[in-house]
Amino acid sequence: MDLFIIINIIAFSLMGLDKRKAKKKQWRTPESTLFLSAAAGGAIGAWIGMYIFHHKTHKKKFVFGIPLLVVITVCLFLAV
């Protein structure tokens, strides 16, 4: 459970960090890294981060992909 929380905090933080860097026109976190953090169990944190930071909310692959990963994560979590 601790690892699950840590991964979600990391995914949430990556969304915020990438948004901040986008505003400052700095080097960005690759989208593959954002998805990987979500797929590794941080989908809930990534999803919350998307809407708190208003980041990637117009990109279809994030709007549909991250919630799909949330559903998969919740199903796997409940199955264990």
PDB file of N, CA and C in Angstrom:
ATOM      1  N   MET A   1       0.824  -1.197   0.000  1.00  0.00           N
ATOM      2  CA  MET A   1       0.000   0.000   0.000  1.00  0.00           C
ATOM      3  C   MET A   1       0.869   1.262   0.000  1.00  0.00           C
ATOM      4  N   ASP A   2       1.967   1.234   0.754  1.00  0.00           N
ATOM      5  CA  ASP A   2       2.864   2.393   0.792  1.00  0.00           C
ATOM      6  C   ASP A   2       3.442   2.683  -0.591  1.00  0.00           C
ATOM      7  N   LEU A   3       3.833   1.634  -1.300  1.00  0.00           N
ATOM      8  CA  LEU A   3       4.394   1.803  -2.641  1.00  0.00           C
ATOM      9  C   LEU A   3       3.352   2.402  -3.590  1.00  0.00           C
ATOM     10  N   PHE A   4       2.121   1.960  -3.469  1.00  0.00           N
ATOM     11  CA  PHE A   4       1.019   2.485  -4.285  1.00  0.00           C
ATOM     12  C   PHE A   4       0.860   3.990  -4.058  1.00  0.00           C
ATOM     13  N   ILE A   5       0.902   4.406  -2.822  1.00  0.00           N
ATOM     14  CA  ILE A   5       0.770   5.827  -2.486  1.00  0.00           C
ATOM     15  C   ILE A   5       1.953   6.617  -3.029  1.00  0.00           C
ATOM     16  N   ILE A   6       3.154   6.086  -2.875  1.00  0.00           N
ATOM     17  CA  ILE A   6       4.360   6.765  -3.358  1.00  0.00           C
ATOM     18  C   ILE A   6       4.317   6.935  -4.876  1.00  0.00           C
ATOM     19  N   ILE A   7       3.932   5.880  -5.589  1.00  0.00           N
ATOM     20  CA  ILE A   7       3.857   5.956  -7.055  1.00  0.00           C
ATOM     21  C   ILE A   7       2.835   7.005  -7.490  1.00  0.00           C
ATOM     22  N   ASN A   8       1.715   7.082  -6.799  1.00  0.00           N
ATOM     23  CA  ASN A   8       0.697   8.076  -7.143  1.00  0.00           C
ATOM     24  C   ASN A   8       1.160   9.494  -6.843  1.00  0.00           C
ATOM     25  N   ILE A   9       1.901   9.671  -5.767  1.00  0.00           N
ATOM     26  CA  ILE A   9       2.466  10.992  -5.461  1.00  0.00           C
ATOM     27  C   ILE A   9       3.462  11.396  -6.547  1.00  0.00           C
ATOM     28  N   ILE A  10       4.268  10.444  -6.994  1.00  0.00           N
ATOM     29  CA  ILE A  10       5.239  10.725  -8.064  1.00  0.00           C
ATOM     30  C   ILE A  10       4.516  11.110  -9.353  1.00  0.00           C
ATOM     31  N   ALA A  11       3.492  10.348  -9.732  1.00  0.00           N
ATOM     32  CA  ALA A  11       2.748  10.639 -10.966  1.00  0.00           C
ATOM     33  C   ALA A  11       2.072  12.008 -10.886  1.00  0.00           C
ATOM     34  N   PHE A  12       1.489  12.312  -9.740  1.00  0.00           N
ATOM     35  CA  PHE A  12       0.859  13.614  -9.515  1.00  0.00           C
ATOM     36  C   PHE A  12       1.892  14.734  -9.652  1.00  0.00           C
ATOM     37  N   SER A  13       3.039  14.535  -9.013  1.00  0.00           N
ATOM     38  CA  SER A  13       4.112  15.536  -9.044  1.00  0.00           C
ATOM     39  C   SER A  13       4.661  15.741 -10.449  1.00  0.00           C
ATOM     40  N   LEU A  14       4.781  14.661 -11.212  1.00  0.00           N
ATOM     41  CA  LEU A  14       5.269  14.781 -12.591  1.00  0.00           C
ATOM     42  C   LEU A  14       4.342  15.651 -13.433  1.00  0.00           C
ATOM     43  N   MET A  15       3.045  15.517 -13.222  1.00  0.00           N
ATOM     44  CA  MET A  15       2.091  16.358 -13.961  1.00  0.00           C
ATOM     45  C   MET A  15       2.295  17.828 -13.602  1.00  0.00           C
ATOM     46  N   GLY A  16       2.436  18.106 -12.317  1.00  0.00           N
ATOM     47  CA  GLY A  16       2.641  19.487 -11.882  1.00  0.00           C
ATOM     48  C   GLY A  16       3.956  20.055 -12.370  1.00  0.00           C
ATOM     49  N   LEU A  17       5.005  19.250 -12.297  1.00  0.00           N
ATOM     50  CA  LEU A  17       6.329  19.690 -12.745  1.00  0.00           C
ATOM     51  C   LEU A  17       6.330  19.965 -14.245  1.00  0.00           C
ATOM     52  N   ASP A  18       5.707  19.076 -15.015  1.00  0.00           N
ATOM     53  CA  ASP A  18       5.667  19.270 -16.462  1.00  0.00           C
ATOM     54  C   ASP A  18       4.859  20.516 -16.823  1.00  0.00           C
ATOM     55  N   LYS A  19       3.777  20.765 -16.120  1.00  0.00           N
ATOM     56  CA  LYS A  19       2.975  21.965 -16.372  1.00  0.00           C
ATOM     57  C   LYS A  19       3.796  23.217 -16.084  1.00  0.00           C
ATOM     58  N   ARG A  20       4.518  23.215 -14.971  1.00  0.00           N
ATOM     59  CA  ARG A  20       5.342  24.375 -14.613  1.00  0.00           C
ATOM     60  C   ARG A  20       6.427  24.620 -15.659  1.00  0.00           C
ATOM     61  N   LYS A  21       7.058  23.527 -16.108  1.00  0.00           N
ATOM     62  CA  LYS A  21       8.101  23.663 -17.122  1.00  0.00           C
ATOM     63  C   LYS A  21       7.520  24.134 -18.454  1.00  0.00           C
ATOM     64  N   ALA A  22       6.313  23.722 -18.765  1.00  0.00           N
ATOM     65  CA  ALA A  22       5.666  24.166 -20.007  1.00  0.00           C
ATOM     66  C   ALA A  22       5.434  25.675 -19.970  1.00  0.00           C
ATOM     67  N   LYS A  23       5.002  26.173 -18.833  1.00  0.00           N
ATOM     68  CA  LYS A  23       4.766  27.612 -18.701  1.00  0.00           C
ATOM     69  C   LYS A  23       6.056  28.414 -18.832  1.00  0.00           C
ATOM     70  N   LYS A  24       7.160  27.840 -18.339  1.00  0.00           N
ATOM     71  CA  LYS A  24       8.453  28.533 -18.375  1.00  0.00           C
ATOM     72  C   LYS A  24       9.233  28.253 -19.657  1.00  0.00           C
ATOM     73  N   LYS A  25       8.616  27.490 -20.565  1.00  0.00           N
ATOM     74  CA  LYS A  25       9.259  27.122 -21.837  1.00  0.00           C
ATOM     75  C   LYS A  25      10.597  26.415 -21.614  1.00  0.00           C
ATOM     76  N   GLN A  26      10.627  25.521 -20.631  1.00  0.00           N
ATOM     77  CA  GLN A  26      11.824  24.745 -20.310  1.00  0.00           C
ATOM     78  C   GLN A  26      11.680  23.325 -20.848  1.00  0.00           C
ATOM     79  N   TRP A  27      12.748  22.539 -20.666  1.00  0.00           N
ATOM     80  CA  TRP A  27      12.738  21.128 -21.048  1.00  0.00           C
ATOM     81  C   TRP A  27      11.592  20.436 -20.339  1.00  0.00           C
ATOM     82  N   ARG A  28      10.856  19.598 -21.077  1.00  0.00           N
ATOM     83  CA  ARG A  28       9.646  18.967 -20.565  1.00  0.00           C
ATOM     84  C   ARG A  28       9.850  17.498 -20.262  1.00  0.00           C
ATOM     85  N   THR A  29       8.978  16.979 -19.427  1.00  0.00           N
ATOM     86  CA  THR A  29       8.934  15.550 -19.150  1.00  0.00           C
ATOM     87  C   THR A  29       8.294  14.872 -20.361  1.00  0.00           C
ATOM     88  N   PRO A  30       8.931  13.844 -20.921  1.00  0.00           N
ATOM     89  CA  PRO A  30       8.331  13.161 -22.078  1.00  0.00           C
ATOM     90  C   PRO A  30       6.956  12.567 -21.733  1.00  0.00           C
ATOM     91  N   GLU A  31       6.045  12.600 -22.706  1.00  0.00           N
ATOM     92  CA  GLU A  31       4.716  12.028 -22.485  1.00  0.00           C
ATOM     93  C   GLU A  31       4.805  10.552 -22.130  1.00  0.00           C
ATOM     94  N   SER A  32       5.782   9.861 -22.694  1.00  0.00           N
ATOM     95  CA  SER A  32       5.946   8.438 -22.378  1.00  0.00           C
ATOM     96  C   SER A  32       6.249   8.242 -20.893  1.00  0.00           C
ATOM     97  N   THR A  33       6.980   9.159 -20.299  1.00  0.00           N
ATOM     98  CA  THR A  33       7.286   9.076 -18.865  1.00  0.00           C
ATOM     99  C   THR A  33       6.025   9.313 -18.040  1.00  0.00           C
ATOM    100  N   LEU A  34       5.205  10.260 -18.468  1.00  0.00           N
ATOM    101  CA  LEU A  34       3.948  10.519 -17.760  1.00  0.00           C
ATOM    102  C   LEU A  34       3.046   9.284 -17.814  1.00  0.00           C
ATOM    103  N   PHE A  35       2.954   8.661 -18.992  1.00  0.00           N
ATOM    104  CA  PHE A  35       2.142   7.453 -19.124  1.00  0.00           C
ATOM    105  C   PHE A  35       2.740   6.282 -18.352  1.00  0.00           C
ATOM    106  N   LEU A  36       4.045   6.156 -18.379  1.00  0.00           N
ATOM    107  CA  LEU A  36       4.700   5.066 -17.658  1.00  0.00           C
ATOM    108  C   LEU A  36       4.437   5.179 -16.163  1.00  0.00           C
ATOM    109  N   SER A  37       4.494   6.382 -15.624  1.00  0.00           N
ATOM    110  CA  SER A  37       4.218   6.554 -14.194  1.00  0.00           C
ATOM    111  C   SER A  37       2.769   6.178 -13.880  1.00  0.00           C
ATOM    112  N   ALA A  38       1.861   6.471 -14.800  1.00  0.00           N
ATOM    113  CA  ALA A  38       0.460   6.094 -14.609  1.00  0.00           C
ATOM    114  C   ALA A  38       0.281   4.581 -14.722  1.00  0.00           C
ATOM    115  N   ALA A  39       0.920   3.980 -15.718  1.00  0.00           N
ATOM    116  CA  ALA A  39       0.804   2.533 -15.932  1.00  0.00           C
ATOM    117  C   ALA A  39       1.464   1.732 -14.816  1.00  0.00           C
ATOM    118  N   ALA A  40       2.435   2.330 -14.146  1.00  0.00           N
ATOM    119  CA  ALA A  40       3.142   1.642 -13.058  1.00  0.00           C
ATOM    120  C   ALA A  40       2.333   1.647 -11.762  1.00  0.00           C
ATOM    121  N   GLY A  41       1.120   2.165 -11.807  1.00  0.00           N
ATOM    122  CA  GLY A  41       0.269   2.182 -10.622  1.00  0.00           C
ATOM    123  C   GLY A  41      -0.103   3.578 -10.170  1.00  0.00           C
ATOM    124  N   GLY A  42       0.395   4.591 -10.859  1.00  0.00           N
ATOM    125  CA  GLY A  42       0.133   5.972 -10.465  1.00  0.00           C
ATOM    126  C   GLY A  42      -0.964   6.654 -11.257  1.00  0.00           C
ATOM    127  N   ALA A  43      -1.868   5.871 -11.823  1.00  0.00           N
ATOM    128  CA  ALA A  43      -2.916   6.444 -12.680  1.00  0.00           C
ATOM    129  C   ALA A  43      -3.829   7.398 -11.920  1.00  0.00           C
ATOM    130  N   ILE A  44      -4.148   7.068 -10.695  1.00  0.00           N
ATOM    131  CA  ILE A  44      -5.036   7.938  -9.913  1.00  0.00           C
ATOM    132  C   ILE A  44      -4.353   9.279  -9.649  1.00  0.00           C
ATOM    133  N   GLY A  45      -3.099   9.241  -9.257  1.00  0.00           N
ATOM    134  CA  GLY A  45      -2.347  10.476  -9.030  1.00  0.00           C
ATOM    135  C   GLY A  45      -2.194  11.290 -10.297  1.00  0.00           C
ATOM    136  N   ALA A  46      -1.934  10.613 -11.419  1.00  0.00           N
ATOM    137  CA  ALA A  46      -1.796  11.307 -12.703  1.00  0.00           C
ATOM    138  C   ALA A  46      -3.117  11.956 -13.101  1.00  0.00           C
ATOM    139  N   TRP A  47      -4.210  11.245 -12.906  1.00  0.00           N
ATOM    140  CA  TRP A  47      -5.532  11.762 -13.272  1.00  0.00           C
ATOM    141  C   TRP A  47      -5.888  12.987 -12.430  1.00  0.00           C
ATOM    142  N   ILE A  48      -5.651  12.895 -11.130  1.00  0.00           N
ATOM    143  CA  ILE A  48      -5.909  14.041 -10.252  1.00  0.00           C
ATOM    144  C   ILE A  48      -5.016  15.213 -10.662  1.00  0.00           C
ATOM    145  N   GLY A  49      -3.750  14.929 -10.926  1.00  0.00           N
ATOM    146  CA  GLY A  49      -2.812  15.972 -11.344  1.00  0.00           C
ATOM    147  C   GLY A  49      -3.215  16.646 -12.639  1.00  0.00           C
ATOM    148  N   MET A  50      -3.753  15.866 -13.578  1.00  0.00           N
ATOM    149  CA  MET A  50      -4.205  16.441 -14.850  1.00  0.00           C
ATOM    150  C   MET A  50      -5.208  17.564 -14.614  1.00  0.00           C
ATOM    151  N   TYR A  51      -6.132  17.339 -13.705  1.00  0.00           N
ATOM    152  CA  TYR A  51      -7.205  18.309 -13.511  1.00  0.00           C
ATOM    153  C   TYR A  51      -6.862  19.384 -12.488  1.00  0.00           C
ATOM    154  N   ILE A  52      -6.049  19.076 -11.513  1.00  0.00           N
ATOM    155  CA  ILE A  52      -5.619  20.118 -10.559  1.00  0.00           C
ATOM    156  C   ILE A  52      -4.731  21.132 -11.272  1.00  0.00           C
ATOM    157  N   PHE A  53      -3.807  20.629 -12.095  1.00  0.00           N
ATOM    158  CA  PHE A  53      -2.871  21.514 -12.786  1.00  0.00           C
ATOM    159  C   PHE A  53      -3.369  21.935 -14.178  1.00  0.00           C
ATOM    160  N   HIS A  54      -4.536  21.438 -14.586  1.00  0.00           N
ATOM    161  CA  HIS A  54      -5.082  21.724 -15.925  1.00  0.00           C
ATOM    162  C   HIS A  54      -4.039  21.404 -16.995  1.00  0.00           C
ATOM    163  N   HIS A  55      -3.525  20.187 -16.919  1.00  0.00           N
ATOM    164  CA  HIS A  55      -2.431  19.784 -17.803  1.00  0.00           C
ATOM    165  C   HIS A  55      -2.809  18.540 -18.595  1.00  0.00           C
ATOM    166  N   LYS A  56      -2.619  18.591 -19.890  1.00  0.00           N
ATOM    167  CA  LYS A  56      -2.909  17.491 -20.819  1.00  0.00           C
ATOM    168  C   LYS A  56      -4.406  17.185 -20.890  1.00  0.00           C
ATOM    169  N   THR A  57      -5.244  18.133 -20.508  1.00  0.00           N
ATOM    170  CA  THR A  57      -6.687  17.891 -20.492  1.00  0.00           C
ATOM    171  C   THR A  57      -7.343  18.053 -21.861  1.00  0.00           C
ATOM    172  N   HIS A  58      -6.579  18.441 -22.860  1.00  0.00           N
ATOM    173  CA  HIS A  58      -7.117  18.546 -24.222  1.00  0.00           C
ATOM    174  C   HIS A  58      -6.492  17.521 -25.162  1.00  0.00           C
ATOM    175  N   LYS A  59      -5.608  16.710 -24.637  1.00  0.00           N
ATOM    176  CA  LYS A  59      -4.972  15.672 -25.457  1.00  0.00           C
ATOM    177  C   LYS A  59      -5.777  14.385 -25.294  1.00  0.00           C
ATOM    178  N   LYS A  60      -6.321  13.902 -26.413  1.00  0.00           N
ATOM    179  CA  LYS A  60      -7.212  12.740 -26.358  1.00  0.00           C
ATOM    180  C   LYS A  60      -6.562  11.519 -25.729  1.00  0.00           C
ATOM    181  N   LYS A  61      -5.277  11.300 -26.028  1.00  0.00           N
ATOM    182  CA  LYS A  61      -4.652  10.099 -25.472  1.00  0.00           C
ATOM    183  C   LYS A  61      -4.548  10.170 -23.952  1.00  0.00           C
ATOM    184  N   PHE A  62      -4.524  11.367 -23.388  1.00  0.00           N
ATOM    185  CA  PHE A  62      -4.522  11.501 -21.933  1.00  0.00           C
ATOM    186  C   PHE A  62      -5.943  11.494 -21.380  1.00  0.00           C
ATOM    187  N   VAL A  63      -6.849  12.186 -22.059  1.00  0.00           N
ATOM    188  CA  VAL A  63      -8.235  12.274 -21.603  1.00  0.00           C
ATOM    189  C   VAL A  63      -8.890  10.893 -21.546  1.00  0.00           C
ATOM    190  N   PHE A  64      -8.540  10.004 -22.487  1.00  0.00           N
ATOM    191  CA  PHE A  64      -9.111   8.661 -22.490  1.00  0.00           C
ATOM    192  C   PHE A  64      -8.166   7.620 -21.891  1.00  0.00           C
ATOM    193  N   GLY A  65      -6.872   7.790 -22.109  1.00  0.00           N
ATOM    194  CA  GLY A  65      -5.895   6.800 -21.657  1.00  0.00           C
ATOM    195  C   GLY A  65      -5.713   6.739 -20.156  1.00  0.00           C
ATOM    196  N   ILE A  66      -5.602   7.895 -19.515  1.00  0.00           N
ATOM    197  CA  ILE A  66      -5.377   7.911 -18.066  1.00  0.00           C
ATOM    198  C   ILE A  66      -6.594   7.357 -17.312  1.00  0.00           C
ATOM    199  N   PRO A  67      -7.832   7.772 -17.628  1.00  0.00           N
ATOM    200  CA  PRO A  67      -8.978   7.154 -16.946  1.00  0.00           C
ATOM    201  C   PRO A  67      -9.064   5.640 -17.176  1.00  0.00           C
ATOM    202  N   LEU A  68      -8.693   5.183 -18.372  1.00  0.00           N
ATOM    203  CA  LEU A  68      -8.669   3.742 -18.628  1.00  0.00           C
ATOM    204  C   LEU A  68      -7.671   3.057 -17.693  1.00  0.00           C
ATOM    205  N   LEU A  69      -6.518   3.672 -17.516  1.00  0.00           N
ATOM    206  CA  LEU A  69      -5.526   3.122 -16.586  1.00  0.00           C
ATOM    207  C   LEU A  69      -6.032   3.163 -15.143  1.00  0.00           C
ATOM    208  N   VAL A  70      -6.831   4.175 -14.803  1.00  0.00           N
ATOM    209  CA  VAL A  70      -7.431   4.233 -13.462  1.00  0.00           C
ATOM    210  C   VAL A  70      -8.348   3.034 -13.257  1.00  0.00           C
ATOM    211  N   VAL A  71      -9.192   2.750 -14.245  1.00  0.00           N
ATOM    212  CA  VAL A  71     -10.114   1.609 -14.145  1.00  0.00           C
ATOM    213  C   VAL A  71      -9.331   0.308 -14.003  1.00  0.00           C
ATOM    214  N   ILE A  72      -8.305   0.137 -14.808  1.00  0.00           N
ATOM    215  CA  ILE A  72      -7.479  -1.071 -14.738  1.00  0.00           C
ATOM    216  C   ILE A  72      -6.808  -1.178 -13.373  1.00  0.00           C
ATOM    217  N   THR A  73      -6.272  -0.069 -12.887  1.00  0.00           N
ATOM    218  CA  THR A  73      -5.600  -0.057 -11.582  1.00  0.00           C
ATOM    219  C   THR A  73      -6.568  -0.430 -10.468  1.00  0.00           C
ATOM    220  N   VAL A  74      -7.760   0.159 -10.482  1.00  0.00           N
ATOM    221  CA  VAL A  74      -8.757  -0.132  -9.447  1.00  0.00           C
ATOM    222  C   VAL A  74      -9.173  -1.601  -9.510  1.00  0.00           C
ATOM    223  N   CYS A  75      -9.397  -2.129 -10.712  1.00  0.00           N
ATOM    224  CA  CYS A  75      -9.763  -3.545 -10.861  1.00  0.00           C
ATOM    225  C   CYS A  75      -8.667  -4.461 -10.326  1.00  0.00           C
ATOM    226  N   LEU A  76      -7.424  -4.157 -10.663  1.00  0.00           N
ATOM    227  CA  LEU A  76      -6.309  -4.964 -10.158  1.00  0.00           C
ATOM    228  C   LEU A  76      -6.181  -4.848  -8.646  1.00  0.00           C
ATOM    229  N   PHE A  77      -6.382  -3.649  -8.130  1.00  0.00           N
ATOM    230  CA  PHE A  77      -6.282  -3.418  -6.690  1.00  0.00           C
ATOM    231  C   PHE A  77      -7.364  -4.200  -5.945  1.00  0.00           C
ATOM    232  N   LEU A  78      -8.583  -4.212  -6.499  1.00  0.00           N
ATOM    233  CA  LEU A  78      -9.686  -4.936  -5.862  1.00  0.00           C
ATOM    234  C   LEU A  78      -9.534  -6.451  -5.990  1.00  0.00           C
ATOM    235  N   ALA A  79      -8.852  -6.895  -7.033  1.00  0.00           N
ATOM    236  CA  ALA A  79      -8.668  -8.331  -7.256  1.00  0.00           C
ATOM    237  C   ALA A  79      -7.642  -8.939  -6.301  1.00  0.00           C
ATOM    238  N   VAL A  80      -6.796  -8.097  -5.752  1.00  0.00           N
ATOM    239  CA  VAL A  80      -5.724  -8.606  -4.870  1.00  0.00           C
ATOM    240  C   VAL A  80      -6.212  -8.822  -3.485  1.00  0.00           C
TER     241      VAL A  80
END
